[in-house]
Amino acid sequence: MFVNQLEREGLILLDQFEELQLTPSESSDLTGLFNKVSLPDPDVRVHDLPMDRKVFESSFQNTKDHI
């Protein structure tokens, strides 16, 4: 669900995750992380939300490394 929300907001492409293979531990950790993240207010545009550039770059690099 969280990944679908990110795709709708234009932050990721869903096909980036199609071949991602996670261990059960990684899957559990990722699910726990997603459960802690609140979804943005649908009335707020994504571009109006502040984003830590280092967090974005780290997440993007980790995604690329797993693909």
PDB file of N, CA and C in Angstrom:
ATOM      1  N   MET A   1       0.820  -1.189   0.000  1.00  0.00           N
ATOM      2  CA  MET A   1       0.000   0.000   0.000  1.00  0.00           C
ATOM      3  C   MET A   1       0.864   1.254   0.000  1.00  0.00           C
ATOM      4  N   PHE A   2       1.892   1.306   0.842  1.00  0.00           N
ATOM      5  CA  PHE A   2       2.763   2.471   0.910  1.00  0.00           C
ATOM      6  C   PHE A   2       3.469   2.697  -0.420  1.00  0.00           C
ATOM      7  N   VAL A   3       3.937   1.613  -1.046  1.00  0.00           N
ATOM      8  CA  VAL A   3       4.612   1.720  -2.341  1.00  0.00           C
ATOM      9  C   VAL A   3       3.645   2.277  -3.382  1.00  0.00           C
ATOM     10  N   ASN A   4       2.396   1.844  -3.355  1.00  0.00           N
ATOM     11  CA  ASN A   4       1.394   2.376  -4.288  1.00  0.00           C
ATOM     12  C   ASN A   4       1.187   3.869  -4.075  1.00  0.00           C
ATOM     13  N   GLN A   5       1.180   4.306  -2.812  1.00  0.00           N
ATOM     14  CA  GLN A   5       1.034   5.734  -2.497  1.00  0.00           C
ATOM     15  C   GLN A   5       2.222   6.517  -3.049  1.00  0.00           C
ATOM     16  N   LEU A   6       3.432   5.976  -2.881  1.00  0.00           N
ATOM     17  CA  LEU A   6       4.624   6.647  -3.401  1.00  0.00           C
ATOM     18  C   LEU A   6       4.564   6.763  -4.920  1.00  0.00           C
ATOM     19  N   GLU A   7       4.056   5.724  -5.574  1.00  0.00           N
ATOM     20  CA  GLU A   7       3.936   5.770  -7.034  1.00  0.00           C
ATOM     21  C   GLU A   7       2.916   6.828  -7.454  1.00  0.00           C
ATOM     22  N   ARG A   8       1.778   6.887  -6.775  1.00  0.00           N
ATOM     23  CA  ARG A   8       0.760   7.894  -7.102  1.00  0.00           C
ATOM     24  C   ARG A   8       1.312   9.305  -6.945  1.00  0.00           C
ATOM     25  N   GLU A   9       2.175   9.490  -5.944  1.00  0.00           N
ATOM     26  CA  GLU A   9       2.761  10.806  -5.695  1.00  0.00           C
ATOM     27  C   GLU A   9       3.916  11.103  -6.645  1.00  0.00           C
ATOM     28  N   GLY A  10       4.298  10.128  -7.457  1.00  0.00           N
ATOM     29  CA  GLY A  10       5.373  10.332  -8.417  1.00  0.00           C
ATOM     30  C   GLY A  10       6.764  10.239  -7.823  1.00  0.00           C
ATOM     31  N   LEU A  11       6.881   9.638  -6.632  1.00  0.00           N
ATOM     32  CA  LEU A  11       8.183   9.542  -5.973  1.00  0.00           C
ATOM     33  C   LEU A  11       8.974   8.316  -6.404  1.00  0.00           C
ATOM     34  N   ILE A  12       8.285   7.284  -6.840  1.00  0.00           N
ATOM     35  CA  ILE A  12       8.958   6.062  -7.306  1.00  0.00           C
ATOM     36  C   ILE A  12       8.204   5.511  -8.503  1.00  0.00           C
ATOM     37  N   LEU A  13       8.835   4.603  -9.202  1.00  0.00           N
ATOM     38  CA  LEU A  13       8.171   3.843 -10.251  1.00  0.00           C
ATOM     39  C   LEU A  13       7.944   2.440  -9.710  1.00  0.00           C
ATOM     40  N   LEU A  14       6.726   1.969  -9.774  1.00  0.00           N
ATOM     41  CA  LEU A  14       6.374   0.679  -9.187  1.00  0.00           C
ATOM     42  C   LEU A  14       7.212  -0.454  -9.756  1.00  0.00           C
ATOM     43  N   ASP A  15       7.568  -0.371 -11.043  1.00  0.00           N
ATOM     44  CA  ASP A  15       8.344  -1.457 -11.638  1.00  0.00           C
ATOM     45  C   ASP A  15       9.743  -1.580 -11.045  1.00  0.00           C
ATOM     46  N   GLN A  16      10.200  -0.579 -10.291  1.00  0.00           N
ATOM     47  CA  GLN A  16      11.490  -0.677  -9.606  1.00  0.00           C
ATOM     48  C   GLN A  16      11.458  -1.767  -8.539  1.00  0.00           C
ATOM     49  N   PHE A  17      10.282  -2.097  -8.042  1.00  0.00           N
ATOM     50  CA  PHE A  17      10.155  -3.031  -6.931  1.00  0.00           C
ATOM     51  C   PHE A  17       9.715  -4.427  -7.358  1.00  0.00           C
ATOM     52  N   GLU A  18       9.398  -4.616  -8.636  1.00  0.00           N
ATOM     53  CA  GLU A  18       8.839  -5.889  -9.080  1.00  0.00           C
ATOM     54  C   GLU A  18       9.786  -7.065  -8.884  1.00  0.00           C
ATOM     55  N   GLU A  19      11.079  -6.859  -9.098  1.00  0.00           N
ATOM     56  CA  GLU A  19      12.028  -7.966  -8.996  1.00  0.00           C
ATOM     57  C   GLU A  19      12.855  -7.911  -7.721  1.00  0.00           C
ATOM     58  N   LEU A  20      12.485  -7.074  -6.798  1.00  0.00           N
ATOM     59  CA  LEU A  20      13.205  -6.943  -5.544  1.00  0.00           C
ATOM     60  C   LEU A  20      12.936  -8.166  -4.671  1.00  0.00           C
ATOM     61  N   GLN A  21      13.994  -8.880  -4.305  1.00  0.00           N
ATOM     62  CA  GLN A  21      13.868 -10.076  -3.471  1.00  0.00           C
ATOM     63  C   GLN A  21      14.362  -9.754  -2.066  1.00  0.00           C
ATOM     64  N   LEU A  22      13.487  -9.855  -1.090  1.00  0.00           N
ATOM     65  CA  LEU A  22      13.844  -9.573   0.295  1.00  0.00           C
ATOM     66  C   LEU A  22      13.832 -10.852   1.111  1.00  0.00           C
ATOM     67  N   THR A  23      14.745 -10.903   2.080  1.00  0.00           N
ATOM     68  CA  THR A  23      14.698 -12.009   3.031  1.00  0.00           C
ATOM     69  C   THR A  23      13.506 -11.763   3.946  1.00  0.00           C
ATOM     70  N   PRO A  24      13.032 -12.787   4.671  1.00  0.00           N
ATOM     71  CA  PRO A  24      11.926 -12.558   5.606  1.00  0.00           C
ATOM     72  C   PRO A  24      12.253 -11.466   6.633  1.00  0.00           C
ATOM     73  N   SER A  25      13.500 -11.419   7.090  1.00  0.00           N
ATOM     74  CA  SER A  25      13.910 -10.400   8.056  1.00  0.00           C
ATOM     75  C   SER A  25      13.848  -9.004   7.440  1.00  0.00           C
ATOM     76  N   GLU A  26      14.349  -8.866   6.210  1.00  0.00           N
ATOM     77  CA  GLU A  26      14.305  -7.570   5.525  1.00  0.00           C
ATOM     78  C   GLU A  26      12.863  -7.150   5.277  1.00  0.00           C
ATOM     79  N   SER A  27      12.039  -8.089   4.886  1.00  0.00           N
ATOM     80  CA  SER A  27      10.636  -7.797   4.635  1.00  0.00           C
ATOM     81  C   SER A  27       9.947  -7.310   5.909  1.00  0.00           C
ATOM     82  N   SER A  28      10.237  -7.975   7.017  1.00  0.00           N
ATOM     83  CA  SER A  28       9.664  -7.588   8.301  1.00  0.00           C
ATOM     84  C   SER A  28      10.133  -6.194   8.712  1.00  0.00           C
ATOM     85  N   ASP A  29      11.436  -5.934   8.543  1.00  0.00           N
ATOM     86  CA  ASP A  29      11.984  -4.617   8.887  1.00  0.00           C
ATOM     87  C   ASP A  29      11.349  -3.526   8.031  1.00  0.00           C
ATOM     88  N   LEU A  30      11.191  -3.796   6.740  1.00  0.00           N
ATOM     89  CA  LEU A  30      10.614  -2.820   5.826  1.00  0.00           C
ATOM     90  C   LEU A  30       9.145  -2.569   6.150  1.00  0.00           C
ATOM     91  N   THR A  31       8.422  -3.626   6.460  1.00  0.00           N
ATOM     92  CA  THR A  31       7.019  -3.479   6.838  1.00  0.00           C
ATOM     93  C   THR A  31       6.895  -2.641   8.101  1.00  0.00           C
ATOM     94  N   GLY A  32       7.770  -2.900   9.077  1.00  0.00           N
ATOM     95  CA  GLY A  32       7.770  -2.112  10.307  1.00  0.00           C
ATOM     96  C   GLY A  32       8.042  -0.644  10.045  1.00  0.00           C
ATOM     97  N   LEU A  33       8.978  -0.381   9.148  1.00  0.00           N
ATOM     98  CA  LEU A  33       9.300   1.001   8.795  1.00  0.00           C
ATOM     99  C   LEU A  33       8.117   1.678   8.121  1.00  0.00           C
ATOM    100  N   PHE A  34       7.490   0.995   7.159  1.00  0.00           N
ATOM    101  CA  PHE A  34       6.344   1.575   6.467  1.00  0.00           C
ATOM    102  C   PHE A  34       5.187   1.829   7.425  1.00  0.00           C
ATOM    103  N   ASN A  35       5.017   0.967   8.415  1.00  0.00           N
ATOM    104  CA  ASN A  35       3.929   1.151   9.370  1.00  0.00           C
ATOM    105  C   ASN A  35       4.147   2.373  10.256  1.00  0.00           C
ATOM    106  N   LYS A  36       5.400   2.789  10.423  1.00  0.00           N
ATOM    107  CA  LYS A  36       5.709   3.970  11.242  1.00  0.00           C
ATOM    108  C   LYS A  36       5.507   5.271  10.474  1.00  0.00           C
ATOM    109  N   VAL A  37       5.507   5.190   9.147  1.00  0.00           N
ATOM    110  CA  VAL A  37       5.417   6.383   8.308  1.00  0.00           C
ATOM    111  C   VAL A  37       3.960   6.737   8.086  1.00  0.00           C
ATOM    112  N   SER A  38       3.617   7.978   8.380  1.00  0.00           N
ATOM    113  CA  SER A  38       2.242   8.401   8.118  1.00  0.00           C
ATOM    114  C   SER A  38       2.144   8.880   6.677  1.00  0.00           C
ATOM    115  N   LEU A  39       1.034   8.572   6.059  1.00  0.00           N
ATOM    116  CA  LEU A  39       0.808   9.008   4.688  1.00  0.00           C
ATOM    117  C   LEU A  39       0.546  10.508   4.686  1.00  0.00           C
ATOM    118  N   PRO A  40       1.012  11.191   3.659  1.00  0.00           N
ATOM    119  CA  PRO A  40       0.813  12.641   3.609  1.00  0.00           C
ATOM    120  C   PRO A  40      -0.652  13.001   3.430  1.00  0.00           C
ATOM    121  N   ASP A  41      -0.974  14.200   3.856  1.00  0.00           N
ATOM    122  CA  ASP A  41      -2.312  14.743   3.665  1.00  0.00           C
ATOM    123  C   ASP A  41      -2.576  14.819   2.162  1.00  0.00           C
ATOM    124  N   PRO A  42      -3.670  14.222   1.669  1.00  0.00           N
ATOM    125  CA  PRO A  42      -3.927  14.220   0.227  1.00  0.00           C
ATOM    126  C   PRO A  42      -4.097  15.621  -0.355  1.00  0.00           C
ATOM    127  N   ASP A  43      -4.381  16.622   0.494  1.00  0.00           N
ATOM    128  CA  ASP A  43      -4.556  17.992   0.012  1.00  0.00           C
ATOM    129  C   ASP A  43      -3.229  18.737  -0.141  1.00  0.00           C
ATOM    130  N   VAL A  44      -2.134  18.138   0.355  1.00  0.00           N
ATOM    131  CA  VAL A  44      -0.820  18.775   0.268  1.00  0.00           C
ATOM    132  C   VAL A  44      -0.077  18.176  -0.912  1.00  0.00           C
ATOM    133  N   ARG A  45       0.416  19.028  -1.790  1.00  0.00           N
ATOM    134  CA  ARG A  45       1.186  18.538  -2.928  1.00  0.00           C
ATOM    135  C   ARG A  45       2.537  18.039  -2.440  1.00  0.00           C
ATOM    136  N   VAL A  46       3.050  16.987  -3.063  1.00  0.00           N
ATOM    137  CA  VAL A  46       4.326  16.386  -2.667  1.00  0.00           C
ATOM    138  C   VAL A  46       5.444  17.408  -2.732  1.00  0.00           C
ATOM    139  N   HIS A  47       5.418  18.261  -3.740  1.00  0.00           N
ATOM    140  CA  HIS A  47       6.504  19.217  -3.914  1.00  0.00           C
ATOM    141  C   HIS A  47       6.521  20.262  -2.805  1.00  0.00           C
ATOM    142  N   ASP A  48       5.434  20.374  -2.039  1.00  0.00           N
ATOM    143  CA  ASP A  48       5.387  21.320  -0.932  1.00  0.00           C
ATOM    144  C   ASP A  48       5.952  20.730   0.352  1.00  0.00           C
ATOM    145  N   LEU A  49       6.157  19.413   0.366  1.00  0.00           N
ATOM    146  CA  LEU A  49       6.657  18.762   1.567  1.00  0.00           C
ATOM    147  C   LEU A  49       8.174  18.853   1.623  1.00  0.00           C
ATOM    148  N   PRO A  50       8.731  19.167   2.803  1.00  0.00           N
ATOM    149  CA  PRO A  50      10.194  19.201   2.908  1.00  0.00           C
ATOM    150  C   PRO A  50      10.752  17.783   2.834  1.00  0.00           C
ATOM    151  N   MET A  51      11.919  17.615   2.224  1.00  0.00           N
ATOM    152  CA  MET A  51      12.542  16.300   2.149  1.00  0.00           C
ATOM    153  C   MET A  51      14.026  16.451   2.421  1.00  0.00           C
ATOM    154  N   ASP A  52      14.538  15.622   3.291  1.00  0.00           N
ATOM    155  CA  ASP A  52      15.964  15.611   3.570  1.00  0.00           C
ATOM    156  C   ASP A  52      16.676  15.001   2.368  1.00  0.00           C
ATOM    157  N   ARG A  53      17.528  15.771   1.705  1.00  0.00           N
ATOM    158  CA  ARG A  53      18.190  15.308   0.476  1.00  0.00           C
ATOM    159  C   ARG A  53      19.037  14.069   0.734  1.00  0.00           C
ATOM    160  N   LYS A  54      19.717  14.005   1.887  1.00  0.00           N
ATOM    161  CA  LYS A  54      20.560  12.844   2.187  1.00  0.00           C
ATOM    162  C   LYS A  54      19.711  11.581   2.324  1.00  0.00           C
ATOM    163  N   VAL A  55      18.560  11.688   2.942  1.00  0.00           N
ATOM    164  CA  VAL A  55      17.665  10.540   3.089  1.00  0.00           C
ATOM    165  C   VAL A  55      17.189  10.094   1.716  1.00  0.00           C
ATOM    166  N   PHE A  56      16.803  11.048   0.876  1.00  0.00           N
ATOM    167  CA  PHE A  56      16.343  10.710  -0.468  1.00  0.00           C
ATOM    168  C   PHE A  56      17.440  10.013  -1.258  1.00  0.00           C
ATOM    169  N   GLU A  57      18.648  10.584  -1.257  1.00  0.00           N
ATOM    170  CA  GLU A  57      19.749  10.005  -2.029  1.00  0.00           C
ATOM    171  C   GLU A  57      20.119   8.622  -1.513  1.00  0.00           C
ATOM    172  N   SER A  58      20.122   8.441  -0.196  1.00  0.00           N
ATOM    173  CA  SER A  58      20.446   7.144   0.391  1.00  0.00           C
ATOM    174  C   SER A  58      19.395   6.104   0.003  1.00  0.00           C
ATOM    175  N   SER A  59      18.121   6.471   0.089  1.00  0.00           N
ATOM    176  CA  SER A  59      17.043   5.550  -0.265  1.00  0.00           C
ATOM    177  C   SER A  59      17.099   5.197  -1.740  1.00  0.00           C
ATOM    178  N   PHE A  60      17.367   6.191  -2.579  1.00  0.00           N
ATOM    179  CA  PHE A  60      17.442   5.959  -4.016  1.00  0.00           C
ATOM    180  C   PHE A  60      18.601   5.024  -4.339  1.00  0.00           C
ATOM    181  N   GLN A  61      19.761   5.247  -3.708  1.00  0.00           N
ATOM    182  CA  GLN A  61      20.927   4.400  -3.967  1.00  0.00           C
ATOM    183  C   GLN A  61      20.664   2.974  -3.495  1.00  0.00           C
ATOM    184  N   ASN A  62      20.046   2.812  -2.326  1.00  0.00           N
ATOM    185  CA  ASN A  62      19.736   1.475  -1.818  1.00  0.00           C
ATOM    186  C   ASN A  62      18.783   0.746  -2.754  1.00  0.00           C
ATOM    187  N   THR A  63      17.819   1.465  -3.317  1.00  0.00           N
ATOM    188  CA  THR A  63      16.886   0.855  -4.259  1.00  0.00           C
ATOM    189  C   THR A  63      17.624   0.400  -5.514  1.00  0.00           C
ATOM    190  N   LYS A  64      18.493   1.257  -6.040  1.00  0.00           N
ATOM    191  CA  LYS A  64      19.261   0.905  -7.238  1.00  0.00           C
ATOM    192  C   LYS A  64      20.160  -0.301  -6.976  1.00  0.00           C
ATOM    193  N   ASP A  65      20.754  -0.377  -5.782  1.00  0.00           N
ATOM    194  CA  ASP A  65      21.654  -1.483  -5.445  1.00  0.00           C
ATOM    195  C   ASP A  65      20.924  -2.821  -5.424  1.00  0.00           C
ATOM    196  N   HIS A  66      19.627  -2.812  -5.104  1.00  0.00           N
ATOM    197  CA  HIS A  66      18.865  -4.053  -4.995  1.00  0.00           C
ATOM    198  C   HIS A  66      18.236  -4.485  -6.309  1.00  0.00           C
ATOM    199  N   ILE A  67      18.255  -3.617  -7.289  1.00  0.00           N
ATOM    200  CA  ILE A  67      17.608  -3.949  -8.566  1.00  0.00           C
ATOM    201  C   ILE A  67      18.574  -4.659  -9.474  1.00  0.00           C
TER     202      ILE A  67
END
